[in-house]
N, C-alpha and C. Protein backbone atom coordinates (compact mmCIF):
# COMPACT_ATOMS: atom_id res chain seq x y z
N MET A 1 -54.33 -214.67 168.72
CA MET A 1 -54.19 -213.62 169.71
C MET A 1 -52.85 -212.90 169.50
N LYS A 2 -52.89 -211.59 169.47
CA LYS A 2 -51.68 -210.79 169.32
C LYS A 2 -50.96 -210.72 170.66
N PRO A 3 -49.62 -210.88 170.65
CA PRO A 3 -48.89 -210.79 171.92
C PRO A 3 -48.97 -209.39 172.52
N VAL A 4 -48.85 -209.34 173.83
CA VAL A 4 -48.84 -208.10 174.59
C VAL A 4 -47.44 -207.82 175.11
N TYR A 5 -46.70 -208.89 175.39
CA TYR A 5 -45.38 -208.79 176.01
C TYR A 5 -44.28 -209.35 175.13
N LEU A 6 -43.11 -208.72 175.23
CA LEU A 6 -41.87 -209.26 174.68
C LEU A 6 -41.06 -209.72 175.89
N ILE A 7 -40.86 -211.02 176.01
CA ILE A 7 -40.21 -211.60 177.18
C ILE A 7 -38.72 -211.77 176.89
N ASP A 8 -37.86 -211.22 177.74
CA ASP A 8 -36.42 -211.38 177.52
C ASP A 8 -35.92 -212.64 178.23
N ALA A 9 -34.65 -212.96 178.01
CA ALA A 9 -34.06 -214.19 178.55
C ALA A 9 -34.07 -214.21 180.07
N SER A 10 -33.80 -213.08 180.71
CA SER A 10 -33.76 -213.07 182.17
C SER A 10 -35.13 -213.41 182.77
N SER A 11 -36.18 -212.94 182.14
CA SER A 11 -37.52 -213.26 182.63
C SER A 11 -37.91 -214.70 182.32
N LEU A 12 -37.47 -215.21 181.18
CA LEU A 12 -37.76 -216.61 180.87
C LEU A 12 -37.04 -217.55 181.84
N VAL A 13 -35.81 -217.24 182.17
CA VAL A 13 -35.08 -218.07 183.14
C VAL A 13 -35.82 -218.04 184.48
N LYS A 14 -36.23 -216.86 184.91
CA LYS A 14 -36.98 -216.74 186.17
C LYS A 14 -38.29 -217.53 186.09
N ALA A 15 -38.97 -217.47 184.95
CA ALA A 15 -40.23 -218.20 184.79
C ALA A 15 -40.00 -219.70 184.94
N PHE A 16 -38.91 -220.20 184.40
CA PHE A 16 -38.59 -221.62 184.55
C PHE A 16 -38.27 -221.96 186.00
N LYS A 17 -37.48 -221.14 186.64
CA LYS A 17 -37.09 -221.41 188.03
C LYS A 17 -38.29 -221.38 188.97
N GLU A 18 -39.27 -220.53 188.66
CA GLU A 18 -40.44 -220.38 189.52
C GLU A 18 -41.67 -221.08 188.98
N ALA A 19 -41.51 -221.85 187.90
CA ALA A 19 -42.62 -222.59 187.28
C ALA A 19 -43.80 -221.67 186.95
N LYS A 20 -43.50 -220.56 186.31
CA LYS A 20 -44.53 -219.59 185.90
C LYS A 20 -44.59 -219.49 184.38
N LEU A 21 -44.71 -220.64 183.71
CA LEU A 21 -44.66 -220.66 182.25
C LEU A 21 -46.00 -220.45 181.58
N VAL A 22 -47.08 -220.84 182.21
CA VAL A 22 -48.38 -220.83 181.57
C VAL A 22 -48.77 -219.48 180.97
N PRO A 23 -48.60 -218.37 181.69
CA PRO A 23 -49.04 -217.10 181.10
C PRO A 23 -48.17 -216.60 179.95
N LEU A 24 -47.08 -217.28 179.65
CA LEU A 24 -46.17 -216.80 178.60
C LEU A 24 -46.56 -217.29 177.21
N GLY A 25 -47.36 -218.32 177.13
CA GLY A 25 -47.81 -218.81 175.83
C GLY A 25 -48.52 -217.70 175.07
N GLY A 26 -48.22 -217.58 173.79
CA GLY A 26 -48.83 -216.54 172.96
C GLY A 26 -48.10 -215.22 172.99
N GLN A 27 -47.12 -215.08 173.90
CA GLN A 27 -46.36 -213.84 173.96
C GLN A 27 -45.17 -213.92 173.01
N ALA A 28 -44.37 -212.85 172.95
CA ALA A 28 -43.29 -212.77 171.98
C ALA A 28 -41.92 -212.91 172.64
N LEU A 29 -40.97 -213.37 171.84
CA LEU A 29 -39.58 -213.38 172.24
C LEU A 29 -38.70 -213.07 171.04
N GLN A 30 -37.53 -212.56 171.33
CA GLN A 30 -36.53 -212.25 170.32
C GLN A 30 -35.86 -213.57 169.95
N TRP A 31 -35.59 -213.82 168.69
CA TRP A 31 -35.12 -215.15 168.27
C TRP A 31 -33.84 -215.58 168.96
N LEU A 32 -32.94 -214.66 169.30
CA LEU A 32 -31.71 -215.05 170.00
C LEU A 32 -31.96 -215.51 171.44
N THR A 33 -33.13 -215.19 171.96
CA THR A 33 -33.47 -215.61 173.32
C THR A 33 -33.46 -217.12 173.45
N VAL A 34 -33.81 -217.82 172.39
CA VAL A 34 -33.78 -219.29 172.40
C VAL A 34 -32.38 -219.77 172.79
N TYR A 35 -31.36 -219.19 172.21
CA TYR A 35 -29.99 -219.60 172.49
C TYR A 35 -29.53 -219.14 173.87
N GLU A 36 -30.03 -218.00 174.32
CA GLU A 36 -29.72 -217.54 175.68
C GLU A 36 -30.26 -218.53 176.71
N ILE A 37 -31.45 -219.05 176.47
CA ILE A 37 -32.04 -220.01 177.40
C ILE A 37 -31.27 -221.32 177.36
N LEU A 38 -30.92 -221.78 176.17
CA LEU A 38 -30.11 -223.00 176.08
C LEU A 38 -28.78 -222.81 176.79
N ASN A 39 -28.20 -221.65 176.67
CA ASN A 39 -26.94 -221.36 177.35
C ASN A 39 -27.13 -221.36 178.87
N ALA A 40 -28.26 -220.85 179.34
CA ALA A 40 -28.54 -220.87 180.78
C ALA A 40 -28.66 -222.30 181.29
N PHE A 41 -29.32 -223.17 180.52
CA PHE A 41 -29.42 -224.58 180.91
C PHE A 41 -28.04 -225.23 180.92
N TRP A 42 -27.23 -224.91 179.92
CA TRP A 42 -25.86 -225.44 179.87
C TRP A 42 -25.08 -225.00 181.11
N LYS A 43 -25.19 -223.72 181.45
CA LYS A 43 -24.46 -223.18 182.61
C LYS A 43 -24.90 -223.88 183.89
N GLU A 44 -26.21 -224.05 184.06
CA GLU A 44 -26.73 -224.71 185.26
C GLU A 44 -26.27 -226.17 185.34
N THR A 45 -26.10 -226.79 184.18
CA THR A 45 -25.71 -228.21 184.14
C THR A 45 -24.20 -228.37 184.19
N HIS A 46 -23.50 -227.72 183.31
CA HIS A 46 -22.07 -227.96 183.13
C HIS A 46 -21.18 -227.19 184.11
N LEU A 47 -21.48 -225.92 184.30
CA LEU A 47 -20.62 -225.10 185.14
C LEU A 47 -21.01 -225.12 186.62
N LEU A 48 -22.30 -224.95 186.88
CA LEU A 48 -22.75 -224.83 188.26
C LEU A 48 -23.17 -226.16 188.88
N ARG A 49 -23.41 -227.14 188.04
CA ARG A 49 -23.81 -228.49 188.51
C ARG A 49 -25.08 -228.46 189.35
N ARG A 50 -25.99 -227.54 189.03
CA ARG A 50 -27.27 -227.46 189.74
C ARG A 50 -28.32 -228.37 189.12
N LEU A 51 -28.13 -228.71 187.85
CA LEU A 51 -29.05 -229.59 187.13
C LEU A 51 -28.29 -230.78 186.60
N SER A 52 -28.94 -231.93 186.60
CA SER A 52 -28.37 -233.08 185.90
C SER A 52 -28.65 -232.89 184.42
N LEU A 53 -27.94 -233.63 183.60
CA LEU A 53 -28.18 -233.55 182.16
C LEU A 53 -29.61 -233.96 181.85
N GLU A 54 -30.12 -234.96 182.54
CA GLU A 54 -31.50 -235.40 182.33
C GLU A 54 -32.50 -234.31 182.67
N GLU A 55 -32.26 -233.59 183.77
CA GLU A 55 -33.14 -232.48 184.15
C GLU A 55 -33.09 -231.37 183.11
N ALA A 56 -31.90 -231.07 182.63
CA ALA A 56 -31.75 -230.03 181.61
C ALA A 56 -32.47 -230.42 180.32
N ILE A 57 -32.35 -231.67 179.92
CA ILE A 57 -33.03 -232.14 178.72
C ILE A 57 -34.54 -232.05 178.89
N SER A 58 -35.03 -232.38 180.06
CA SER A 58 -36.46 -232.25 180.33
C SER A 58 -36.90 -230.79 180.24
N LEU A 59 -36.10 -229.89 180.81
CA LEU A 59 -36.42 -228.47 180.73
C LEU A 59 -36.39 -227.97 179.29
N ILE A 60 -35.45 -228.47 178.51
CA ILE A 60 -35.40 -228.07 177.09
C ILE A 60 -36.66 -228.51 176.37
N SER A 61 -37.16 -229.69 176.71
CA SER A 61 -38.42 -230.15 176.10
C SER A 61 -39.56 -229.21 176.47
N ASP A 62 -39.63 -228.81 177.74
CA ASP A 62 -40.66 -227.86 178.17
C ASP A 62 -40.49 -226.52 177.46
N PHE A 63 -39.25 -226.08 177.34
CA PHE A 63 -38.96 -224.81 176.67
C PHE A 63 -39.35 -224.87 175.20
N THR A 64 -39.01 -225.96 174.54
CA THR A 64 -39.36 -226.11 173.12
C THR A 64 -40.87 -226.05 172.92
N GLU A 65 -41.60 -226.68 173.82
CA GLU A 65 -43.07 -226.63 173.75
C GLU A 65 -43.58 -225.21 173.95
N LEU A 66 -42.99 -224.50 174.91
CA LEU A 66 -43.39 -223.11 175.14
C LEU A 66 -43.11 -222.25 173.91
N VAL A 67 -41.93 -222.40 173.32
CA VAL A 67 -41.55 -221.60 172.16
C VAL A 67 -42.51 -221.83 170.99
N ARG A 68 -42.99 -223.06 170.85
CA ARG A 68 -43.97 -223.35 169.78
C ARG A 68 -45.23 -222.51 169.92
N ASN A 69 -45.50 -222.07 171.14
CA ASN A 69 -46.70 -221.28 171.41
C ASN A 69 -46.42 -219.79 171.58
N MET A 70 -45.23 -219.38 171.18
CA MET A 70 -44.86 -217.97 171.28
C MET A 70 -44.61 -217.40 169.88
N VAL A 71 -44.62 -216.10 169.80
CA VAL A 71 -44.31 -215.40 168.56
C VAL A 71 -42.82 -215.05 168.60
N ILE A 72 -42.07 -215.51 167.62
CA ILE A 72 -40.63 -215.24 167.58
C ILE A 72 -40.39 -214.05 166.66
N LEU A 73 -39.77 -213.02 167.22
CA LEU A 73 -39.52 -211.78 166.47
C LEU A 73 -38.07 -211.69 166.03
N GLU A 74 -37.90 -211.15 164.86
CA GLU A 74 -36.59 -211.00 164.22
C GLU A 74 -36.24 -209.51 164.18
N PRO A 75 -35.08 -209.11 164.69
CA PRO A 75 -34.72 -207.70 164.68
C PRO A 75 -34.16 -207.19 163.35
N SER A 76 -34.16 -208.03 162.35
CA SER A 76 -33.66 -207.62 161.03
C SER A 76 -34.40 -206.38 160.54
N GLY A 77 -33.63 -205.42 160.04
CA GLY A 77 -34.21 -204.17 159.57
C GLY A 77 -34.21 -203.08 160.62
N LEU A 78 -33.88 -203.45 161.85
CA LEU A 78 -33.86 -202.48 162.95
C LEU A 78 -32.45 -202.09 163.37
N GLU A 79 -31.48 -202.42 162.56
CA GLU A 79 -30.07 -202.22 162.92
C GLU A 79 -29.75 -200.78 163.29
N HIS A 80 -30.26 -199.82 162.52
CA HIS A 80 -29.99 -198.41 162.82
C HIS A 80 -30.60 -198.02 164.16
N ASP A 81 -31.85 -198.43 164.37
CA ASP A 81 -32.51 -198.14 165.64
C ASP A 81 -31.77 -198.78 166.81
N ILE A 82 -31.35 -200.02 166.61
CA ILE A 82 -30.64 -200.74 167.68
C ILE A 82 -29.35 -200.02 168.06
N LEU A 83 -28.57 -199.61 167.07
CA LEU A 83 -27.31 -198.92 167.37
C LEU A 83 -27.57 -197.57 168.03
N GLN A 84 -28.59 -196.86 167.57
CA GLN A 84 -28.93 -195.57 168.17
C GLN A 84 -29.34 -195.74 169.62
N ILE A 85 -30.18 -196.72 169.90
CA ILE A 85 -30.62 -196.98 171.28
C ILE A 85 -29.43 -197.41 172.14
N ALA A 86 -28.62 -198.32 171.61
CA ALA A 86 -27.47 -198.83 172.37
C ALA A 86 -26.53 -197.70 172.77
N THR A 87 -26.22 -196.82 171.83
CA THR A 87 -25.28 -195.74 172.14
C THR A 87 -25.90 -194.66 173.02
N SER A 88 -27.16 -194.35 172.80
CA SER A 88 -27.78 -193.28 173.61
C SER A 88 -28.10 -193.74 175.02
N LYS A 89 -28.37 -195.02 175.21
CA LYS A 89 -28.75 -195.53 176.53
C LYS A 89 -27.63 -196.28 177.25
N GLY A 90 -26.52 -196.52 176.56
CA GLY A 90 -25.39 -197.19 177.18
C GLY A 90 -25.62 -198.66 177.47
N VAL A 91 -26.38 -199.31 176.59
CA VAL A 91 -26.63 -200.75 176.73
C VAL A 91 -26.03 -201.47 175.53
N THR A 92 -25.93 -202.78 175.63
CA THR A 92 -25.41 -203.56 174.51
C THR A 92 -26.39 -203.53 173.34
N ALA A 93 -25.89 -203.84 172.17
CA ALA A 93 -26.76 -203.93 170.99
C ALA A 93 -27.80 -205.03 171.20
N TYR A 94 -27.40 -206.12 171.85
CA TYR A 94 -28.34 -207.21 172.14
C TYR A 94 -29.50 -206.69 173.00
N ASP A 95 -29.20 -205.96 174.08
CA ASP A 95 -30.26 -205.40 174.91
C ASP A 95 -31.08 -204.36 174.15
N ALA A 96 -30.41 -203.56 173.35
CA ALA A 96 -31.12 -202.55 172.56
C ALA A 96 -32.07 -203.19 171.55
N SER A 97 -31.75 -204.40 171.11
CA SER A 97 -32.64 -205.08 170.15
C SER A 97 -33.98 -205.39 170.80
N TYR A 98 -33.99 -205.69 172.08
CA TYR A 98 -35.27 -205.92 172.78
C TYR A 98 -36.10 -204.63 172.80
N ILE A 99 -35.45 -203.52 173.07
CA ILE A 99 -36.15 -202.23 173.12
C ILE A 99 -36.71 -201.88 171.75
N ALA A 100 -35.87 -202.03 170.72
CA ALA A 100 -36.30 -201.71 169.35
C ALA A 100 -37.46 -202.60 168.91
N LEU A 101 -37.39 -203.89 169.22
CA LEU A 101 -38.47 -204.81 168.85
C LEU A 101 -39.76 -204.48 169.60
N ALA A 102 -39.65 -204.22 170.88
CA ALA A 102 -40.84 -203.88 171.66
C ALA A 102 -41.48 -202.60 171.13
N ARG A 103 -40.66 -201.62 170.80
CA ARG A 103 -41.20 -200.36 170.26
C ARG A 103 -41.87 -200.60 168.92
N LYS A 104 -41.21 -201.32 168.04
CA LYS A 104 -41.76 -201.58 166.70
C LYS A 104 -43.10 -202.31 166.77
N HIS A 105 -43.19 -203.30 167.65
CA HIS A 105 -44.39 -204.14 167.72
C HIS A 105 -45.38 -203.70 168.80
N LYS A 106 -45.07 -202.55 169.44
CA LYS A 106 -45.93 -201.98 170.48
C LYS A 106 -46.20 -203.00 171.59
N LEU A 107 -45.12 -203.59 172.09
CA LEU A 107 -45.19 -204.58 173.16
C LEU A 107 -44.56 -204.04 174.43
N MET A 108 -45.00 -204.54 175.56
CA MET A 108 -44.35 -204.23 176.83
C MET A 108 -43.19 -205.20 177.00
N LEU A 109 -42.01 -204.69 177.31
CA LEU A 109 -40.84 -205.52 177.54
C LEU A 109 -40.88 -206.05 178.96
N VAL A 110 -40.68 -207.36 179.11
CA VAL A 110 -40.62 -207.99 180.42
C VAL A 110 -39.19 -208.44 180.64
N THR A 111 -38.57 -207.88 181.67
CA THR A 111 -37.15 -208.17 181.96
C THR A 111 -36.89 -208.12 183.45
N GLU A 112 -35.90 -208.90 183.87
CA GLU A 112 -35.42 -208.85 185.26
C GLU A 112 -34.10 -208.09 185.32
N ASP A 113 -33.57 -207.71 184.19
CA ASP A 113 -32.29 -207.00 184.08
C ASP A 113 -32.53 -205.52 184.41
N GLN A 114 -32.04 -205.09 185.56
CA GLN A 114 -32.32 -203.72 186.02
C GLN A 114 -31.72 -202.65 185.11
N LYS A 115 -30.56 -202.89 184.54
CA LYS A 115 -29.96 -201.91 183.63
C LYS A 115 -30.83 -201.76 182.37
N LEU A 116 -31.26 -202.88 181.83
CA LEU A 116 -32.14 -202.84 180.66
C LEU A 116 -33.48 -202.21 181.03
N PHE A 117 -34.02 -202.56 182.18
CA PHE A 117 -35.28 -202.00 182.65
C PHE A 117 -35.20 -200.47 182.68
N GLN A 118 -34.14 -199.95 183.28
CA GLN A 118 -33.97 -198.49 183.40
C GLN A 118 -33.79 -197.84 182.03
N ALA A 119 -32.97 -198.44 181.18
CA ALA A 119 -32.72 -197.87 179.85
C ALA A 119 -33.99 -197.85 179.01
N ALA A 120 -34.77 -198.91 179.12
CA ALA A 120 -35.96 -199.04 178.27
C ALA A 120 -37.13 -198.20 178.76
N SER A 121 -37.18 -197.93 180.05
CA SER A 121 -38.38 -197.30 180.64
C SER A 121 -38.69 -195.90 180.10
N SER A 122 -37.71 -195.23 179.54
CA SER A 122 -37.99 -193.90 178.97
C SER A 122 -38.44 -194.00 177.50
N ILE A 123 -38.41 -195.21 176.94
CA ILE A 123 -38.75 -195.40 175.54
C ILE A 123 -40.03 -196.21 175.37
N ILE A 124 -40.18 -197.26 176.17
CA ILE A 124 -41.30 -198.19 176.06
C ILE A 124 -41.81 -198.55 177.45
N LYS A 125 -42.92 -199.28 177.48
CA LYS A 125 -43.42 -199.81 178.75
C LYS A 125 -42.59 -201.04 179.12
N VAL A 126 -42.25 -201.14 180.41
CA VAL A 126 -41.40 -202.22 180.90
C VAL A 126 -42.01 -202.77 182.19
N ALA A 127 -41.86 -204.08 182.37
CA ALA A 127 -42.34 -204.73 183.59
C ALA A 127 -41.41 -205.86 183.94
N SER A 128 -41.56 -206.38 185.15
CA SER A 128 -40.85 -207.60 185.53
C SER A 128 -41.86 -208.75 185.47
N LEU A 129 -41.36 -209.97 185.52
CA LEU A 129 -42.24 -211.13 185.48
C LEU A 129 -43.28 -211.07 186.60
N ASP A 130 -42.86 -210.67 187.78
CA ASP A 130 -43.79 -210.58 188.92
C ASP A 130 -44.93 -209.59 188.66
N ASP A 131 -44.70 -208.60 187.82
CA ASP A 131 -45.74 -207.62 187.50
C ASP A 131 -46.84 -208.20 186.60
N ILE A 132 -46.51 -209.24 185.86
CA ILE A 132 -47.48 -209.75 184.87
C ILE A 132 -48.09 -211.09 185.24
N VAL A 133 -47.53 -211.79 186.23
CA VAL A 133 -48.10 -213.09 186.63
C VAL A 133 -48.56 -213.06 188.06
């Protein structure tokens, strides 16, 4: 099955917090999103003390299983597009990479980041997690 959505880190974090992981299998993510999610688990455990290390490790296991069922996209080759989008829309290159990947692969970007949502909406289709689940 071809993915329909490119899920960003903010939506994946929300999916974990709200236990809405099932519909994400088979969808796409940007390869750096894996590290963004690991960083979110670290922050919840180490800085905010909202999760125990055991809880975070359990979540990482769930995340690893989810990632095995997703399509991981690489922004390599899109550097010019990413810089053009970043400068024209006033977003980071990292955020622009989501827009460039979604455009290239004809995917709807799913994000909870309002600045990214606004920047992307004139270029590609954009939704929030609540819109798709």
